[in-house]
Amino acid sequence: MDAPALFAYLAALAAVYLLPGPDMALVVATAGSRGARPALVTAAGIALSRAMHVALSGMGLAALLQARPEMLGAVKLIGAAYLLWVAVQLLRSDPAGAPSAPSAVPAASFLRRGFLTNLLNPKALLFCSLFLPQFVHAEAGPLALQYLVLGAVLVLMGLAFDIAFALSAARLGRRMRRSSRFGKFVLPGVFVLLAGRLLAS
């Protein structure tokens, strides 16, 4: 990939990752309510899911979803239901957001939540299938290798942004945890809105 194409690819990814969405909301919410380490584990789960989306789009699953609207609708319903479930879990948690025993919540639960939040968002899979092929060119070498490299850049750049969001939100976490309204109502409301947006998209 030449320099202008690489710059365009990185700039487009940066613009996408700066847009608010379920992944950003989950990382920020986790950092604000639980701290940096759980948020970083959540970010790792999201990165694993993005890698799976890249692989699935390369296998043609995204094209199948586009050709079968009923399947896409079913995935949207499942994804929205999961976001609503996250909202319910936040409502049921300690309003202060910080449990008295941090070890009571295993790291695997944060990894799983990050993984499922991204995996059950069909827009992430469709994005990979529509975005990556624009930067794959037959004259540039083996197509599979190009797709692999572009996908790795997508995953790593997304992880870098999520880490930045996690660390920034964790710095404000103590202040947010003192706000019972933030922990009890604002964060669940964000996930309810995201579920609605996913269904309406």
N, C-alpha and C. Protein backbone atom coordinates (compact mmCIF):
# COMPACT_ATOMS: atom_id res chain seq x y z
N MET A 1 0.85 -1.19 0.00
CA MET A 1 0.00 0.00 0.00
C MET A 1 0.89 1.24 0.00
N ASP A 2 0.59 2.17 -0.94
CA ASP A 2 1.40 3.38 -0.98
C ASP A 2 0.99 4.32 0.14
N ALA A 3 1.79 5.36 0.33
CA ALA A 3 1.61 6.26 1.47
C ALA A 3 0.23 6.94 1.47
N PRO A 4 -0.25 7.49 0.35
CA PRO A 4 -1.57 8.13 0.37
C PRO A 4 -2.69 7.15 0.74
N ALA A 5 -2.62 5.92 0.21
CA ALA A 5 -3.66 4.93 0.52
C ALA A 5 -3.59 4.53 2.00
N LEU A 6 -2.38 4.38 2.52
CA LEU A 6 -2.23 4.03 3.92
C LEU A 6 -2.77 5.13 4.82
N PHE A 7 -2.47 6.38 4.45
CA PHE A 7 -2.97 7.51 5.25
C PHE A 7 -4.50 7.54 5.22
N ALA A 8 -5.08 7.30 4.03
CA ALA A 8 -6.53 7.29 3.93
C ALA A 8 -7.14 6.18 4.76
N TYR A 9 -6.49 5.01 4.76
CA TYR A 9 -6.98 3.88 5.54
C TYR A 9 -6.95 4.18 7.04
N LEU A 10 -5.83 4.70 7.50
CA LEU A 10 -5.69 5.01 8.93
C LEU A 10 -6.63 6.13 9.35
N ALA A 11 -6.78 7.14 8.49
CA ALA A 11 -7.66 8.27 8.82
C ALA A 11 -9.11 7.81 8.90
N ALA A 12 -9.51 6.93 7.97
CA ALA A 12 -10.88 6.42 7.99
C ALA A 12 -11.13 5.60 9.25
N LEU A 13 -10.17 4.76 9.63
CA LEU A 13 -10.32 3.98 10.85
C LEU A 13 -10.41 4.88 12.07
N ALA A 14 -9.57 5.91 12.13
CA ALA A 14 -9.60 6.83 13.27
C ALA A 14 -10.96 7.49 13.38
N ALA A 15 -11.52 7.91 12.24
CA ALA A 15 -12.83 8.56 12.26
C ALA A 15 -13.90 7.61 12.77
N VAL A 16 -13.82 6.35 12.36
CA VAL A 16 -14.80 5.36 12.81
C VAL A 16 -14.68 5.11 14.30
N TYR A 17 -13.46 4.96 14.79
CA TYR A 17 -13.27 4.65 16.20
C TYR A 17 -13.57 5.83 17.12
N LEU A 18 -13.59 7.04 16.58
CA LEU A 18 -13.92 8.21 17.39
C LEU A 18 -15.43 8.43 17.48
N LEU A 19 -16.20 7.75 16.63
CA LEU A 19 -17.65 7.88 16.69
C LEU A 19 -18.19 7.10 17.88
N PRO A 20 -19.09 7.69 18.67
CA PRO A 20 -19.66 6.95 19.81
C PRO A 20 -20.43 5.72 19.33
N GLY A 21 -20.26 4.64 20.05
CA GLY A 21 -20.95 3.40 19.72
C GLY A 21 -20.93 2.47 20.91
N PRO A 22 -21.48 1.26 20.76
CA PRO A 22 -21.52 0.33 21.89
C PRO A 22 -20.15 0.01 22.48
N ASP A 23 -19.14 -0.15 21.62
CA ASP A 23 -17.82 -0.50 22.12
C ASP A 23 -17.25 0.61 23.00
N MET A 24 -17.28 1.84 22.48
CA MET A 24 -16.78 2.96 23.26
C MET A 24 -17.55 3.12 24.56
N ALA A 25 -18.89 3.01 24.47
CA ALA A 25 -19.72 3.17 25.66
C ALA A 25 -19.39 2.13 26.71
N LEU A 26 -19.18 0.89 26.27
CA LEU A 26 -18.88 -0.18 27.23
C LEU A 26 -17.53 0.04 27.89
N VAL A 27 -16.52 0.41 27.11
CA VAL A 27 -15.19 0.63 27.67
C VAL A 27 -15.21 1.79 28.67
N VAL A 28 -15.84 2.88 28.28
CA VAL A 28 -15.91 4.06 29.15
C VAL A 28 -16.71 3.75 30.41
N ALA A 29 -17.85 3.05 30.25
CA ALA A 29 -18.67 2.70 31.40
C ALA A 29 -17.92 1.79 32.36
N THR A 30 -17.21 0.82 31.81
CA THR A 30 -16.45 -0.11 32.66
C THR A 30 -15.32 0.61 33.38
N ALA A 31 -14.62 1.49 32.66
CA ALA A 31 -13.53 2.25 33.30
C ALA A 31 -14.07 3.17 34.38
N GLY A 32 -15.20 3.81 34.10
CA GLY A 32 -15.76 4.75 35.07
C GLY A 32 -16.29 4.08 36.32
N SER A 33 -16.82 2.87 36.15
CA SER A 33 -17.45 2.21 37.29
C SER A 33 -16.55 1.19 37.97
N ARG A 34 -15.61 0.61 37.23
CA ARG A 34 -14.79 -0.47 37.79
C ARG A 34 -13.30 -0.16 37.83
N GLY A 35 -12.85 0.77 37.01
CA GLY A 35 -11.44 1.09 36.99
C GLY A 35 -10.77 0.68 35.69
N ALA A 36 -9.47 0.98 35.60
CA ALA A 36 -8.74 0.79 34.35
C ALA A 36 -8.57 -0.68 33.98
N ARG A 37 -8.22 -1.53 34.94
CA ARG A 37 -7.90 -2.91 34.59
C ARG A 37 -9.08 -3.65 33.98
N PRO A 38 -10.28 -3.61 34.60
CA PRO A 38 -11.42 -4.27 33.95
C PRO A 38 -11.74 -3.69 32.58
N ALA A 39 -11.55 -2.37 32.43
CA ALA A 39 -11.82 -1.75 31.13
C ALA A 39 -10.83 -2.22 30.08
N LEU A 40 -9.59 -2.43 30.46
CA LEU A 40 -8.59 -2.93 29.52
C LEU A 40 -8.89 -4.38 29.12
N VAL A 41 -9.37 -5.17 30.08
CA VAL A 41 -9.78 -6.54 29.75
C VAL A 41 -10.97 -6.52 28.80
N THR A 42 -11.90 -5.60 29.04
CA THR A 42 -13.04 -5.43 28.14
C THR A 42 -12.57 -5.06 26.74
N ALA A 43 -11.61 -4.17 26.66
CA ALA A 43 -11.05 -3.77 25.36
C ALA A 43 -10.42 -4.95 24.65
N ALA A 44 -9.78 -5.84 25.40
CA ALA A 44 -9.19 -7.04 24.80
C ALA A 44 -10.27 -7.94 24.21
N GLY A 45 -11.40 -8.05 24.92
CA GLY A 45 -12.51 -8.83 24.39
C GLY A 45 -13.06 -8.25 23.10
N ILE A 46 -13.15 -6.93 23.05
CA ILE A 46 -13.62 -6.26 21.83
C ILE A 46 -12.64 -6.51 20.69
N ALA A 47 -11.34 -6.46 20.98
CA ALA A 47 -10.33 -6.71 19.95
C ALA A 47 -10.45 -8.13 19.40
N LEU A 48 -10.68 -9.10 20.27
CA LEU A 48 -10.85 -10.48 19.81
C LEU A 48 -12.05 -10.59 18.89
N SER A 49 -13.13 -9.90 19.23
CA SER A 49 -14.32 -9.94 18.39
C SER A 49 -14.07 -9.27 17.05
N ARG A 50 -13.34 -8.16 17.06
CA ARG A 50 -13.03 -7.49 15.79
C ARG A 50 -12.22 -8.42 14.89
N ALA A 51 -11.28 -9.15 15.48
CA ALA A 51 -10.50 -10.10 14.69
C ALA A 51 -11.41 -11.16 14.09
N MET A 52 -12.41 -11.60 14.85
CA MET A 52 -13.35 -12.59 14.32
C MET A 52 -14.19 -11.99 13.20
N HIS A 53 -14.59 -10.72 13.34
CA HIS A 53 -15.35 -10.06 12.28
C HIS A 53 -14.54 -9.99 10.99
N VAL A 54 -13.25 -9.69 11.12
CA VAL A 54 -12.39 -9.64 9.94
C VAL A 54 -12.36 -11.00 9.27
N ALA A 55 -12.20 -12.06 10.07
CA ALA A 55 -12.16 -13.41 9.51
C ALA A 55 -13.49 -13.78 8.87
N LEU A 56 -14.59 -13.46 9.55
CA LEU A 56 -15.91 -13.81 9.02
C LEU A 56 -16.23 -13.05 7.74
N SER A 57 -15.84 -11.79 7.69
CA SER A 57 -16.09 -11.03 6.48
C SER A 57 -15.28 -11.58 5.31
N GLY A 58 -14.06 -12.03 5.60
CA GLY A 58 -13.24 -12.65 4.57
C GLY A 58 -13.84 -13.96 4.08
N MET A 59 -14.58 -14.64 4.94
CA MET A 59 -15.21 -15.90 4.57
C MET A 59 -16.55 -15.69 3.86
N GLY A 60 -17.01 -14.44 3.81
CA GLY A 60 -18.23 -14.16 3.07
C GLY A 60 -19.50 -14.13 3.90
N LEU A 61 -19.39 -14.23 5.23
CA LEU A 61 -20.59 -14.24 6.05
C LEU A 61 -21.32 -12.90 5.97
N ALA A 62 -20.58 -11.81 5.88
CA ALA A 62 -21.22 -10.51 5.80
C ALA A 62 -22.06 -10.38 4.53
N ALA A 63 -21.54 -10.92 3.42
CA ALA A 63 -22.30 -10.89 2.17
C ALA A 63 -23.59 -11.69 2.31
N LEU A 64 -23.54 -12.80 3.04
CA LEU A 64 -24.73 -13.60 3.27
C LEU A 64 -25.77 -12.82 4.06
N LEU A 65 -25.31 -12.08 5.09
CA LEU A 65 -26.24 -11.28 5.88
C LEU A 65 -26.89 -10.20 5.03
N GLN A 66 -26.11 -9.60 4.13
CA GLN A 66 -26.67 -8.58 3.27
C GLN A 66 -27.70 -9.18 2.31
N ALA A 67 -27.46 -10.38 1.85
CA ALA A 67 -28.37 -11.01 0.90
C ALA A 67 -29.62 -11.57 1.59
N ARG A 68 -29.55 -11.82 2.87
CA ARG A 68 -30.69 -12.38 3.63
C ARG A 68 -31.08 -11.40 4.72
N PRO A 69 -31.94 -10.42 4.40
CA PRO A 69 -32.32 -9.39 5.38
C PRO A 69 -32.91 -9.97 6.66
N GLU A 70 -33.60 -11.12 6.55
CA GLU A 70 -34.20 -11.69 7.76
C GLU A 70 -33.13 -12.15 8.74
N MET A 71 -31.99 -12.64 8.23
CA MET A 71 -30.90 -13.04 9.10
C MET A 71 -30.26 -11.82 9.76
N LEU A 72 -30.11 -10.75 8.98
CA LEU A 72 -29.55 -9.53 9.54
C LEU A 72 -30.46 -8.97 10.62
N GLY A 73 -31.76 -9.02 10.39
CA GLY A 73 -32.71 -8.55 11.40
C GLY A 73 -32.63 -9.36 12.67
N ALA A 74 -32.45 -10.68 12.53
CA ALA A 74 -32.35 -11.53 13.72
C ALA A 74 -31.10 -11.19 14.53
N VAL A 75 -29.98 -10.97 13.84
CA VAL A 75 -28.75 -10.60 14.54
C VAL A 75 -28.92 -9.26 15.25
N LYS A 76 -29.60 -8.31 14.60
CA LYS A 76 -29.85 -7.02 15.23
C LYS A 76 -30.67 -7.18 16.51
N LEU A 77 -31.70 -8.02 16.44
CA LEU A 77 -32.54 -8.25 17.62
C LEU A 77 -31.72 -8.84 18.76
N ILE A 78 -30.87 -9.81 18.44
CA ILE A 78 -30.04 -10.43 19.48
C ILE A 78 -29.08 -9.40 20.07
N GLY A 79 -28.46 -8.59 19.18
CA GLY A 79 -27.54 -7.57 19.66
C GLY A 79 -28.21 -6.54 20.53
N ALA A 80 -29.40 -6.09 20.12
CA ALA A 80 -30.14 -5.11 20.92
C ALA A 80 -30.55 -5.70 22.26
N ALA A 81 -30.97 -6.96 22.24
CA ALA A 81 -31.35 -7.62 23.49
C ALA A 81 -30.16 -7.71 24.44
N TYR A 82 -28.98 -7.97 23.90
CA TYR A 82 -27.79 -8.05 24.75
C TYR A 82 -27.45 -6.69 25.35
N LEU A 83 -27.57 -5.61 24.55
CA LEU A 83 -27.31 -4.28 25.07
C LEU A 83 -28.30 -3.92 26.18
N LEU A 84 -29.55 -4.32 26.00
CA LEU A 84 -30.55 -4.07 27.05
C LEU A 84 -30.22 -4.88 28.30
N TRP A 85 -29.71 -6.10 28.11
CA TRP A 85 -29.31 -6.92 29.25
C TRP A 85 -28.17 -6.23 30.01
N VAL A 86 -27.21 -5.66 29.28
CA VAL A 86 -26.12 -4.92 29.93
C VAL A 86 -26.70 -3.76 30.74
N ALA A 87 -27.68 -3.05 30.17
CA ALA A 87 -28.30 -1.93 30.89
C ALA A 87 -28.95 -2.41 32.18
N VAL A 88 -29.62 -3.55 32.13
CA VAL A 88 -30.26 -4.10 33.34
C VAL A 88 -29.21 -4.46 34.38
N GLN A 89 -28.11 -5.06 33.93
CA GLN A 89 -27.04 -5.41 34.88
C GLN A 89 -26.46 -4.17 35.55
N LEU A 90 -26.34 -3.08 34.79
CA LEU A 90 -25.84 -1.84 35.38
C LEU A 90 -26.83 -1.28 36.39
N LEU A 91 -28.11 -1.39 36.08
CA LEU A 91 -29.13 -0.91 37.03
C LEU A 91 -29.11 -1.72 38.32
N ARG A 92 -28.81 -3.00 38.20
CA ARG A 92 -28.81 -3.87 39.38
C ARG A 92 -27.52 -3.79 40.17
N SER A 93 -26.50 -3.16 39.60
CA SER A 93 -25.21 -3.10 40.30
C SER A 93 -25.24 -2.02 41.37
N ASP A 94 -24.17 -1.98 42.13
CA ASP A 94 -24.01 -0.97 43.17
C ASP A 94 -24.05 0.40 42.54
N PRO A 95 -24.96 1.31 42.99
CA PRO A 95 -25.02 2.64 42.41
C PRO A 95 -23.70 3.36 42.40
N ALA A 96 -22.87 3.08 43.39
CA ALA A 96 -21.57 3.74 43.42
C ALA A 96 -20.64 3.18 42.38
N GLY A 97 -20.99 2.01 41.86
CA GLY A 97 -20.24 1.45 40.74
C GLY A 97 -19.02 0.67 41.11
N ALA A 98 -18.58 0.72 42.34
CA ALA A 98 -17.35 0.03 42.71
C ALA A 98 -17.66 -0.98 43.79
N PRO A 99 -17.57 -2.25 43.50
CA PRO A 99 -17.85 -3.25 44.52
C PRO A 99 -16.82 -3.23 45.63
N SER A 100 -17.25 -3.67 46.81
CA SER A 100 -16.34 -3.65 47.94
C SER A 100 -15.21 -4.65 47.75
N ALA A 101 -15.46 -5.70 46.95
CA ALA A 101 -14.43 -6.70 46.69
C ALA A 101 -14.23 -6.79 45.19
N PRO A 102 -13.24 -6.08 44.62
CA PRO A 102 -13.05 -6.09 43.18
C PRO A 102 -12.85 -7.48 42.60
N SER A 103 -12.24 -8.38 43.37
CA SER A 103 -11.98 -9.72 42.85
C SER A 103 -13.26 -10.53 42.70
N ALA A 104 -14.40 -10.01 43.24
CA ALA A 104 -15.65 -10.75 43.16
C ALA A 104 -16.12 -10.89 41.72
N VAL A 105 -15.71 -9.98 40.85
CA VAL A 105 -16.07 -10.04 39.44
C VAL A 105 -14.86 -10.55 38.67
N PRO A 106 -14.92 -11.76 38.14
CA PRO A 106 -13.75 -12.32 37.45
C PRO A 106 -13.45 -11.57 36.16
N ALA A 107 -12.17 -11.57 35.80
CA ALA A 107 -11.76 -10.86 34.59
C ALA A 107 -12.44 -11.44 33.36
N ALA A 108 -12.72 -12.75 33.39
CA ALA A 108 -13.34 -13.39 32.22
C ALA A 108 -14.70 -12.78 31.90
N SER A 109 -15.40 -12.29 32.92
CA SER A 109 -16.71 -11.70 32.66
C SER A 109 -16.58 -10.40 31.88
N PHE A 110 -15.53 -9.62 32.15
CA PHE A 110 -15.31 -8.38 31.40
C PHE A 110 -14.85 -8.71 29.97
N LEU A 111 -14.01 -9.73 29.84
CA LEU A 111 -13.58 -10.16 28.51
C LEU A 111 -14.77 -10.62 27.69
N ARG A 112 -15.64 -11.40 28.31
CA ARG A 112 -16.82 -11.92 27.61
C ARG A 112 -17.78 -10.80 27.23
N ARG A 113 -17.97 -9.84 28.13
CA ARG A 113 -18.89 -8.75 27.83
C ARG A 113 -18.38 -7.92 26.66
N GLY A 114 -17.09 -7.63 26.63
CA GLY A 114 -16.53 -6.90 25.50
C GLY A 114 -16.65 -7.67 24.21
N PHE A 115 -16.38 -8.98 24.27
CA PHE A 115 -16.44 -9.82 23.08
C PHE A 115 -17.85 -9.86 22.52
N LEU A 116 -18.84 -10.10 23.38
CA LEU A 116 -20.21 -10.24 22.91
C LEU A 116 -20.82 -8.93 22.44
N THR A 117 -20.46 -7.83 23.11
CA THR A 117 -21.01 -6.54 22.70
C THR A 117 -20.62 -6.23 21.27
N ASN A 118 -19.39 -6.50 20.90
CA ASN A 118 -18.95 -6.25 19.52
C ASN A 118 -19.45 -7.33 18.58
N LEU A 119 -19.39 -8.58 19.01
CA LEU A 119 -19.75 -9.69 18.12
C LEU A 119 -21.21 -9.62 17.71
N LEU A 120 -22.09 -9.19 18.61
CA LEU A 120 -23.52 -9.16 18.32
C LEU A 120 -23.97 -7.86 17.67
N ASN A 121 -23.01 -7.08 17.22
CA ASN A 121 -23.32 -5.86 16.47
C ASN A 121 -23.06 -6.14 14.99
N PRO A 122 -24.10 -6.42 14.20
CA PRO A 122 -23.88 -6.78 12.80
C PRO A 122 -23.25 -5.66 11.98
N LYS A 123 -23.39 -4.42 12.45
CA LYS A 123 -22.79 -3.31 11.73
C LYS A 123 -21.27 -3.43 11.71
N ALA A 124 -20.69 -4.03 12.74
CA ALA A 124 -19.23 -4.20 12.77
C ALA A 124 -18.79 -5.18 11.69
N LEU A 125 -19.55 -6.25 11.52
CA LEU A 125 -19.22 -7.23 10.49
C LEU A 125 -19.40 -6.65 9.09
N LEU A 126 -20.51 -5.92 8.90
CA LEU A 126 -20.76 -5.32 7.59
C LEU A 126 -19.71 -4.26 7.27
N PHE A 127 -19.26 -3.54 8.29
CA PHE A 127 -18.22 -2.54 8.07
C PHE A 127 -16.95 -3.20 7.53
N CYS A 128 -16.55 -4.30 8.14
CA CYS A 128 -15.34 -5.00 7.68
C CYS A 128 -15.49 -5.44 6.23
N SER A 129 -16.67 -5.95 5.89
CA SER A 129 -16.85 -6.49 4.54
C SER A 129 -16.90 -5.40 3.49
N LEU A 130 -17.34 -4.20 3.87
CA LEU A 130 -17.44 -3.10 2.90
C LEU A 130 -16.19 -2.25 2.87
N PHE A 131 -15.50 -2.17 3.99
CA PHE A 131 -14.36 -1.26 4.12
C PHE A 131 -13.05 -1.88 3.65
N LEU A 132 -12.74 -3.06 4.13
CA LEU A 132 -11.45 -3.67 3.83
C LEU A 132 -11.21 -3.91 2.33
N PRO A 133 -12.19 -4.43 1.58
CA PRO A 133 -11.92 -4.69 0.17
C PRO A 133 -11.54 -3.46 -0.65
N GLN A 134 -11.90 -2.27 -0.17
CA GLN A 134 -11.55 -1.06 -0.91
C GLN A 134 -10.04 -0.84 -0.96
N PHE A 135 -9.31 -1.45 -0.04
CA PHE A 135 -7.86 -1.24 0.04
C PHE A 135 -7.07 -2.48 -0.38
N VAL A 136 -7.77 -3.47 -0.93
CA VAL A 136 -7.11 -4.68 -1.42
C VAL A 136 -7.03 -4.59 -2.94
N HIS A 137 -5.83 -4.74 -3.49
CA HIS A 137 -5.62 -4.62 -4.93
C HIS A 137 -4.83 -5.82 -5.43
N ALA A 138 -5.28 -6.39 -6.53
CA ALA A 138 -4.66 -7.60 -7.06
C ALA A 138 -3.20 -7.40 -7.41
N GLU A 139 -2.87 -6.19 -7.90
CA GLU A 139 -1.49 -5.95 -8.33
C GLU A 139 -0.53 -5.76 -7.17
N ALA A 140 -1.06 -5.65 -5.95
CA ALA A 140 -0.21 -5.38 -4.79
C ALA A 140 0.32 -6.65 -4.13
N GLY A 141 -0.09 -7.81 -4.61
CA GLY A 141 0.39 -9.04 -4.02
C GLY A 141 -0.74 -9.98 -3.65
N PRO A 142 -0.44 -11.06 -2.91
CA PRO A 142 -1.47 -12.03 -2.53
C PRO A 142 -2.63 -11.36 -1.78
N LEU A 143 -3.84 -11.60 -2.25
CA LEU A 143 -5.01 -10.94 -1.66
C LEU A 143 -5.22 -11.34 -0.21
N ALA A 144 -5.01 -12.62 0.10
CA ALA A 144 -5.22 -13.08 1.47
C ALA A 144 -4.25 -12.39 2.43
N LEU A 145 -2.99 -12.22 2.00
CA LEU A 145 -2.01 -11.56 2.85
C LEU A 145 -2.37 -10.09 3.06
N GLN A 146 -2.81 -9.42 1.99
CA GLN A 146 -3.23 -8.02 2.13
C GLN A 146 -4.39 -7.90 3.11
N TYR A 147 -5.37 -8.79 2.98
CA TYR A 147 -6.53 -8.76 3.86
C TYR A 147 -6.12 -9.01 5.31
N LEU A 148 -5.17 -9.93 5.49
CA LEU A 148 -4.69 -10.23 6.83
C LEU A 148 -4.00 -9.03 7.46
N VAL A 149 -3.14 -8.36 6.69
CA VAL A 149 -2.41 -7.20 7.21
C VAL A 149 -3.38 -6.06 7.52
N LEU A 150 -4.30 -5.78 6.58
CA LEU A 150 -5.27 -4.71 6.80
C LEU A 150 -6.15 -5.02 8.01
N GLY A 151 -6.55 -6.27 8.14
CA GLY A 151 -7.37 -6.66 9.29
C GLY A 151 -6.62 -6.52 10.60
N ALA A 152 -5.32 -6.88 10.60
CA ALA A 152 -4.52 -6.74 11.81
C ALA A 152 -4.38 -5.28 12.21
N VAL A 153 -4.19 -4.41 11.22
CA VAL A 153 -4.10 -2.97 11.51
C VAL A 153 -5.42 -2.48 12.09
N LEU A 154 -6.54 -2.93 11.52
CA LEU A 154 -7.86 -2.54 12.02
C LEU A 154 -8.03 -2.93 13.48
N VAL A 155 -7.66 -4.16 13.80
CA VAL A 155 -7.83 -4.66 15.17
C VAL A 155 -6.91 -3.92 16.14
N LEU A 156 -5.64 -3.78 15.77
CA LEU A 156 -4.68 -3.15 16.67
C LEU A 156 -4.98 -1.66 16.87
N MET A 157 -5.42 -0.99 15.81
CA MET A 157 -5.73 0.42 15.95
C MET A 157 -6.97 0.61 16.82
N GLY A 158 -7.95 -0.27 16.64
CA GLY A 158 -9.13 -0.21 17.50
C GLY A 158 -8.77 -0.45 18.95
N LEU A 159 -7.87 -1.41 19.19
CA LEU A 159 -7.44 -1.69 20.57
C LEU A 159 -6.73 -0.48 21.15
N ALA A 160 -5.91 0.20 20.35
CA ALA A 160 -5.20 1.39 20.83
C ALA A 160 -6.19 2.48 21.24
N PHE A 161 -7.22 2.69 20.43
CA PHE A 161 -8.23 3.69 20.78
C PHE A 161 -8.98 3.29 22.04
N ASP A 162 -9.34 2.01 22.15
CA ASP A 162 -10.08 1.56 23.33
C ASP A 162 -9.23 1.69 24.59
N ILE A 163 -7.93 1.42 24.49
CA ILE A 163 -7.05 1.60 25.64
C ILE A 163 -7.01 3.07 26.05
N ALA A 164 -6.93 3.95 25.06
CA ALA A 164 -6.92 5.38 25.37
C ALA A 164 -8.23 5.81 26.04
N PHE A 165 -9.36 5.30 25.54
CA PHE A 165 -10.65 5.62 26.16
C PHE A 165 -10.70 5.08 27.59
N ALA A 166 -10.19 3.86 27.79
CA ALA A 166 -10.23 3.25 29.11
C ALA A 166 -9.41 4.04 30.12
N LEU A 167 -8.20 4.40 29.73
CA LEU A 167 -7.32 5.11 30.66
C LEU A 167 -7.85 6.51 30.95
N SER A 168 -8.40 7.17 29.93
CA SER A 168 -8.95 8.52 30.14
C SER A 168 -10.15 8.47 31.07
N ALA A 169 -11.05 7.50 30.82
CA ALA A 169 -12.25 7.39 31.65
C ALA A 169 -11.90 6.97 33.07
N ALA A 170 -10.87 6.13 33.22
CA ALA A 170 -10.49 5.68 34.56
C ALA A 170 -10.01 6.84 35.41
N ARG A 171 -9.37 7.84 34.78
CA ARG A 171 -8.92 9.00 35.53
C ARG A 171 -10.08 9.77 36.13
N LEU A 172 -11.21 9.73 35.42
CA LEU A 172 -12.40 10.42 35.92
C LEU A 172 -13.30 9.49 36.72
N GLY A 173 -12.86 8.24 36.84
CA GLY A 173 -13.71 7.24 37.46
C GLY A 173 -14.11 7.56 38.89
N ARG A 174 -13.18 8.08 39.67
CA ARG A 174 -13.49 8.35 41.07
C ARG A 174 -14.60 9.39 41.18
N ARG A 175 -14.53 10.40 40.34
CA ARG A 175 -15.57 11.43 40.35
C ARG A 175 -16.90 10.86 39.89
N MET A 176 -16.87 10.01 38.85
CA MET A 176 -18.11 9.44 38.33
C MET A 176 -18.71 8.46 39.35
N ARG A 177 -17.86 7.73 40.06
CA ARG A 177 -18.38 6.78 41.04
C ARG A 177 -19.03 7.49 42.21
N ARG A 178 -18.67 8.74 42.46
CA ARG A 178 -19.33 9.50 43.52
C ARG A 178 -20.71 9.96 43.10
N SER A 179 -20.99 9.93 41.79
CA SER A 179 -22.28 10.36 41.28
C SER A 179 -23.18 9.15 41.14
N SER A 180 -24.10 8.96 42.06
CA SER A 180 -25.00 7.82 41.99
C SER A 180 -25.89 7.92 40.76
N ARG A 181 -26.23 9.14 40.34
CA ARG A 181 -27.07 9.30 39.16
C ARG A 181 -26.36 8.78 37.92
N PHE A 182 -25.05 9.05 37.82
CA PHE A 182 -24.29 8.56 36.66
C PHE A 182 -24.28 7.04 36.64
N GLY A 183 -23.94 6.44 37.76
CA GLY A 183 -23.83 5.00 37.79
C GLY A 183 -25.15 4.28 37.70
N LYS A 184 -26.21 4.92 38.23
CA LYS A 184 -27.48 4.21 38.34
C LYS A 184 -28.40 4.46 37.16
N PHE A 185 -28.30 5.62 36.53
CA PHE A 185 -29.26 5.96 35.49
C PHE A 185 -28.63 6.32 34.14
N VAL A 186 -27.55 7.10 34.16
CA VAL A 186 -26.99 7.59 32.89
C VAL A 186 -26.42 6.44 32.07
N LEU A 187 -25.57 5.61 32.68
CA LEU A 187 -24.94 4.52 31.94
C LEU A 187 -25.96 3.52 31.39
N PRO A 188 -26.92 3.04 32.20
CA PRO A 188 -27.93 2.15 31.61
C PRO A 188 -28.70 2.83 30.49
N GLY A 189 -28.98 4.12 30.65
CA GLY A 189 -29.69 4.84 29.60
C GLY A 189 -28.94 4.87 28.30
N VAL A 190 -27.62 4.98 28.39
CA VAL A 190 -26.79 4.98 27.17
C VAL A 190 -26.96 3.67 26.42
N PHE A 191 -26.97 2.56 27.13
CA PHE A 191 -27.09 1.26 26.46
C PHE A 191 -28.49 1.03 25.91
N VAL A 192 -29.50 1.58 26.58
CA VAL A 192 -30.86 1.50 26.04
C VAL A 192 -30.94 2.27 24.72
N LEU A 193 -30.35 3.46 24.69
CA LEU A 193 -30.35 4.26 23.46
C LEU A 193 -29.58 3.56 22.35
N LEU A 194 -28.45 2.92 22.69
CA LEU A 194 -27.67 2.21 21.69
C LEU A 194 -28.44 1.02 21.13
N ALA A 195 -29.19 0.34 22.00
CA ALA A 195 -30.02 -0.78 21.53
C ALA A 195 -31.08 -0.27 20.56
N GLY A 196 -31.69 0.87 20.88
CA GLY A 196 -32.69 1.44 19.99
C GLY A 196 -32.09 1.86 18.66
N ARG A 197 -30.89 2.43 18.70
CA ARG A 197 -30.24 2.85 17.47
C ARG A 197 -29.87 1.66 16.60
N LEU A 198 -29.46 0.56 17.23
CA LEU A 198 -29.11 -0.63 16.47
C LEU A 198 -30.35 -1.20 15.76
N LEU A 199 -31.49 -1.20 16.45
CA LEU A 199 -32.71 -1.71 15.84
C LEU A 199 -33.19 -0.80 14.71
N ALA A 200 -32.98 0.51 14.88
CA ALA A 200 -33.47 1.46 13.87
C ALA A 200 -32.56 1.57 12.66
N SER A 201 -31.33 1.09 12.78
CA SER A 201 -30.36 1.26 11.69
C SER A 201 -30.63 0.28 10.54
